[in-house]
Amino acid sequence: MKNKANFPSQEGEARPSRCPDNSAFKQQRLPAWKPQLNIVTVLSTFFLTGAFCLTVGVCLILSANSVREIQIDYSDKCSDCSKFRENSSNWNKECHCSANFTLKEDILGDVFMYYGLQNFYQNHRRYVISRSDAQLLGRNVNIQRSYCAPFTTYRNGTPMAPCGAIANSMFNDTIDLFYNRNSSVIQVPLLKTGNSWWTDKNVKFRNPESYNLSSAFAGTARPPYWQKPVYLLDEEDERNNGYINDDFIIWMRVSAFATFRNLYRRVRRVRHFADGLPAGNYTFRVSYNFPVSKFKGRKHVILSTVVWSGGSNPFLGIAYVVSGTAATLAGFVITAIHLKLRKKKTYFQRQ
């Protein structure tokens, strides 16, 4: 006799069905729109896209060309300081130089000061990852497990704050601007805060929690190439110190190219400079601390205005013009092919 237990019971529950529910979504009965492509809609799309891109591109290029900008290369003018800095024993000694220039016309509106570096590669893989984001958030972390090596600790075991190659190579020239008015010299007031991104200042960077910054960074030491500890980056403004220092935050956002510029200061619009920078003679006075001669680099100071589209970079406008030109040419090519095929079709129909 066969064992009845080996056969499923007819009275048992039926197996669940694998069919999807009978709904409009699962049965693909939702209303849909399928474009009916014809020669009119295709050509209209190409020509309208081309016209739009060309219009936007021309506006962006004209806007970028309206930016007022002056760039001063002070690498050669500070060559003596550069040689002075090549000797590592002079790391704690000051060296000053100056660069004169003339504004022939007023620069009206908000004026921004940038420092520019040439032939300084920040896009090397090991350089880009040489940081500890957890440390920069003010957390107590073991930086030995981070990617900061070899800039993690000193030989005596003291950890570096901040650690990593990016922080260690921070640009530390001090640049002041002076206006030579008649026989007097007026220092141009510059704003050192409010230059970094809000998300960086308030989200990505935090100081360790303590009743003061010096105690918060107790037991740590500055990076080897720094002249000051991190809690003394701005001795005039306690709120602009530590990991939330604007200059430090801007430097930590690395560039993808070897030639780049970073925002350094903004001209404070008061007194003689309420409308911007008046025409006349000016002087940059530089406290030289960042040597570039060993890697054949160059340093610049840039004064520039901005417009609704940003600074004096025409790349986006050129990209729009190229895209618009390509779309318009594609439209003409499709039109020529269509006319040729229609003519051939009419010929065979007459035959």
Foldseek 3Di string as FASTA:
>chain_A
DDDPVVDDDPPDDDDDDPDDDPDCVSVVVDDDDDDDDDLVVLLVVLQVLLVVLLVVLVVLQVQLVPKDKDKDWCCVQCVVVLVVQVPVVCQQPWDKGKDKDFFPFFDFDKKFKKKKKAQAACQDPLQLQQFDLCVQAQDDDQCVPGSQPPFAADPVRQGAAGGHDLLLQQDDKDKWKWFCDPPDIHTFDWDQPPQDDPCLLPPRGDHHDDPARVVSQPSHDHTPLDNDGQCVSDVPDNSLGHSNNRSSSQSSPDDNDNIDMTTGIIGDLDDPQVGHGGTHMMMMMIGDNNHDVVSPMIMMMMMMDADPSGHNDSVSSVVSNVSSVVSNVVSVVVVVVVVVVVVVVVVVVVD
